[in-house]
Amino acid sequence: MDAGISDIPDLGYEQARDELVAIVARLEGGQAPLEESLTLWHRGEALAAHCSRWLDAAQAQIAKGETSGQ
């Protein structure tokens, strides 16, 4: 299921995080119909995973810099 997630790999961290925050707010509002809520949920999960990958990569880069004495 694509659920409108094919563009996520092209997003920067801040853009993905901001969209994820907006999706969470929309879902917490409880006003979206079920089908839209499911689509939002899937996109939110993909955005969260994307943000996690960004943070993992940043952490690895920092750790690499620390071990090389930079």
N, C-alpha and C. Protein backbone atom coordinates (compact mmCIF):
# COMPACT_ATOMS: atom_id res chain seq x y z
N MET A 1 0.84 -1.19 0.00
CA MET A 1 0.00 0.00 0.00
C MET A 1 0.88 1.24 0.00
N ASP A 2 0.76 2.09 -1.02
CA ASP A 2 1.56 3.30 -1.14
C ASP A 2 1.10 4.36 -0.15
N ALA A 3 -0.20 4.55 -0.01
CA ALA A 3 -0.79 5.52 0.93
C ALA A 3 -0.18 6.90 0.81
N GLY A 4 0.28 7.25 -0.41
CA GLY A 4 0.85 8.57 -0.60
C GLY A 4 2.17 8.76 0.11
N ILE A 5 3.01 7.73 0.12
CA ILE A 5 4.28 7.83 0.83
C ILE A 5 5.50 7.85 -0.08
N SER A 6 5.30 7.81 -1.39
CA SER A 6 6.43 7.71 -2.31
C SER A 6 7.33 8.93 -2.28
N ASP A 7 6.83 10.08 -1.82
CA ASP A 7 7.64 11.29 -1.78
C ASP A 7 8.46 11.42 -0.50
N ILE A 8 8.21 10.60 0.48
CA ILE A 8 8.85 10.75 1.79
C ILE A 8 10.38 10.67 1.74
N PRO A 9 10.98 9.77 0.97
CA PRO A 9 12.45 9.74 0.94
C PRO A 9 13.10 11.05 0.49
N ASP A 10 12.35 11.89 -0.21
CA ASP A 10 12.88 13.17 -0.68
C ASP A 10 12.77 14.29 0.35
N LEU A 11 12.09 14.03 1.46
CA LEU A 11 11.88 15.07 2.47
C LEU A 11 13.08 15.20 3.39
N GLY A 12 13.37 16.43 3.78
CA GLY A 12 14.37 16.67 4.81
C GLY A 12 13.79 16.34 6.17
N TYR A 13 14.65 16.29 7.17
CA TYR A 13 14.19 15.92 8.52
C TYR A 13 13.13 16.88 9.04
N GLU A 14 13.40 18.18 8.99
CA GLU A 14 12.47 19.15 9.55
C GLU A 14 11.12 19.12 8.84
N GLN A 15 11.15 19.00 7.53
CA GLN A 15 9.91 18.94 6.76
C GLN A 15 9.10 17.70 7.14
N ALA A 16 9.77 16.56 7.25
CA ALA A 16 9.08 15.32 7.62
C ALA A 16 8.53 15.41 9.04
N ARG A 17 9.33 15.96 9.95
CA ARG A 17 8.88 16.10 11.34
C ARG A 17 7.68 17.02 11.45
N ASP A 18 7.72 18.15 10.74
CA ASP A 18 6.60 19.09 10.79
C ASP A 18 5.32 18.46 10.25
N GLU A 19 5.45 17.70 9.17
CA GLU A 19 4.27 17.03 8.62
C GLU A 19 3.75 15.96 9.58
N LEU A 20 4.66 15.26 10.22
CA LEU A 20 4.26 14.24 11.20
C LEU A 20 3.50 14.88 12.36
N VAL A 21 3.98 16.01 12.84
CA VAL A 21 3.30 16.72 13.93
C VAL A 21 1.89 17.11 13.50
N ALA A 22 1.75 17.60 12.27
CA ALA A 22 0.43 17.99 11.76
C ALA A 22 -0.50 16.78 11.65
N ILE A 23 0.03 15.65 11.22
CA ILE A 23 -0.78 14.43 11.10
C ILE A 23 -1.24 13.97 12.48
N VAL A 24 -0.34 13.99 13.44
CA VAL A 24 -0.72 13.58 14.81
C VAL A 24 -1.83 14.48 15.34
N ALA A 25 -1.70 15.78 15.12
CA ALA A 25 -2.73 16.71 15.58
C ALA A 25 -4.07 16.42 14.90
N ARG A 26 -4.03 16.13 13.61
CA ARG A 26 -5.26 15.82 12.87
C ARG A 26 -5.91 14.55 13.41
N LEU A 27 -5.10 13.53 13.65
CA LEU A 27 -5.64 12.28 14.18
C LEU A 27 -6.16 12.45 15.60
N GLU A 28 -5.44 13.20 16.41
CA GLU A 28 -5.90 13.43 17.78
C GLU A 28 -7.18 14.24 17.83
N GLY A 29 -7.41 15.06 16.80
CA GLY A 29 -8.64 15.84 16.74
C GLY A 29 -9.87 14.98 16.57
N GLY A 30 -9.68 13.79 16.00
CA GLY A 30 -10.78 12.84 15.88
C GLY A 30 -11.85 13.20 14.87
N GLN A 31 -11.60 14.16 14.01
CA GLN A 31 -12.62 14.60 13.07
C GLN A 31 -12.49 13.96 11.68
N ALA A 32 -11.36 13.30 11.42
CA ALA A 32 -11.16 12.69 10.11
C ALA A 32 -11.97 11.41 9.99
N PRO A 33 -12.57 11.17 8.83
CA PRO A 33 -13.27 9.90 8.61
C PRO A 33 -12.29 8.73 8.69
N LEU A 34 -12.82 7.55 8.88
CA LEU A 34 -11.99 6.36 9.08
C LEU A 34 -10.98 6.15 7.95
N GLU A 35 -11.44 6.21 6.71
CA GLU A 35 -10.53 5.97 5.58
C GLU A 35 -9.39 6.98 5.56
N GLU A 36 -9.71 8.25 5.79
CA GLU A 36 -8.67 9.28 5.83
C GLU A 36 -7.74 9.05 7.02
N SER A 37 -8.30 8.66 8.15
CA SER A 37 -7.49 8.39 9.34
C SER A 37 -6.48 7.27 9.07
N LEU A 38 -6.91 6.23 8.37
CA LEU A 38 -6.00 5.13 8.04
C LEU A 38 -4.89 5.59 7.12
N THR A 39 -5.24 6.41 6.14
CA THR A 39 -4.23 6.95 5.22
C THR A 39 -3.25 7.82 5.98
N LEU A 40 -3.77 8.68 6.86
CA LEU A 40 -2.90 9.53 7.67
C LEU A 40 -2.00 8.68 8.57
N TRP A 41 -2.56 7.64 9.16
CA TRP A 41 -1.79 6.77 10.03
C TRP A 41 -0.61 6.15 9.28
N HIS A 42 -0.88 5.61 8.10
CA HIS A 42 0.19 4.98 7.31
C HIS A 42 1.26 6.00 6.92
N ARG A 43 0.84 7.18 6.52
CA ARG A 43 1.81 8.21 6.17
C ARG A 43 2.60 8.64 7.41
N GLY A 44 1.92 8.76 8.53
CA GLY A 44 2.60 9.12 9.76
C GLY A 44 3.64 8.09 10.17
N GLU A 45 3.29 6.82 10.03
CA GLU A 45 4.25 5.76 10.34
C GLU A 45 5.48 5.86 9.44
N ALA A 46 5.25 6.11 8.15
CA ALA A 46 6.36 6.23 7.21
C ALA A 46 7.21 7.47 7.53
N LEU A 47 6.56 8.57 7.90
CA LEU A 47 7.29 9.78 8.27
C LEU A 47 8.12 9.55 9.53
N ALA A 48 7.55 8.87 10.51
CA ALA A 48 8.27 8.58 11.75
C ALA A 48 9.51 7.72 11.47
N ALA A 49 9.37 6.73 10.61
CA ALA A 49 10.50 5.88 10.25
C ALA A 49 11.57 6.69 9.52
N HIS A 50 11.15 7.59 8.65
CA HIS A 50 12.08 8.44 7.91
C HIS A 50 12.85 9.34 8.87
N CYS A 51 12.14 9.94 9.81
CA CYS A 51 12.79 10.80 10.81
C CYS A 51 13.77 9.99 11.65
N SER A 52 13.40 8.80 12.01
CA SER A 52 14.27 7.94 12.79
C SER A 52 15.56 7.62 12.03
N ARG A 53 15.42 7.35 10.73
CA ARG A 53 16.61 7.07 9.91
C ARG A 53 17.51 8.30 9.85
N TRP A 54 16.92 9.47 9.70
CA TRP A 54 17.70 10.72 9.69
C TRP A 54 18.48 10.86 11.00
N LEU A 55 17.81 10.65 12.12
CA LEU A 55 18.47 10.80 13.42
C LEU A 55 19.55 9.75 13.63
N ASP A 56 19.29 8.52 13.20
CA ASP A 56 20.30 7.47 13.31
C ASP A 56 21.54 7.82 12.50
N ALA A 57 21.34 8.34 11.29
CA ALA A 57 22.47 8.73 10.44
C ALA A 57 23.25 9.88 11.07
N ALA A 58 22.54 10.85 11.63
CA ALA A 58 23.21 11.98 12.28
C ALA A 58 24.01 11.49 13.49
N GLN A 59 23.43 10.60 14.27
CA GLN A 59 24.13 10.06 15.44
C GLN A 59 25.38 9.30 15.02
N ALA A 60 25.29 8.52 13.95
CA ALA A 60 26.44 7.77 13.46
C ALA A 60 27.53 8.72 12.98
N GLN A 61 27.13 9.80 12.33
CA GLN A 61 28.10 10.77 11.84
C GLN A 61 28.81 11.46 13.01
N ILE A 62 28.06 11.79 14.05
CA ILE A 62 28.65 12.41 15.24
C ILE A 62 29.61 11.43 15.91
N ALA A 63 29.18 10.19 16.06
CA ALA A 63 30.04 9.18 16.68
C ALA A 63 31.31 8.97 15.87
N LYS A 64 31.19 8.98 14.57
CA LYS A 64 32.36 8.82 13.70
C LYS A 64 33.33 9.98 13.91
N GLY A 65 32.79 11.19 14.02
CA GLY A 65 33.63 12.36 14.26
C GLY A 65 34.33 12.30 15.61
N GLU A 66 33.64 11.78 16.62
CA GLU A 66 34.23 11.66 17.96
C GLU A 66 35.35 10.64 17.98
N THR A 67 35.20 9.55 17.25
CA THR A 67 36.23 8.51 17.27
C THR A 67 37.43 8.88 16.42
N SER A 68 37.25 9.79 15.46
CA SER A 68 38.39 10.19 14.64
C SER A 68 39.07 11.43 15.20
N GLY A 69 38.60 11.92 16.35
CA GLY A 69 39.24 13.05 17.01
C GLY A 69 38.89 14.40 16.45
N GLN A 70 37.82 14.50 15.72
CA GLN A 70 37.43 15.79 15.13
C GLN A 70 36.54 16.54 16.05
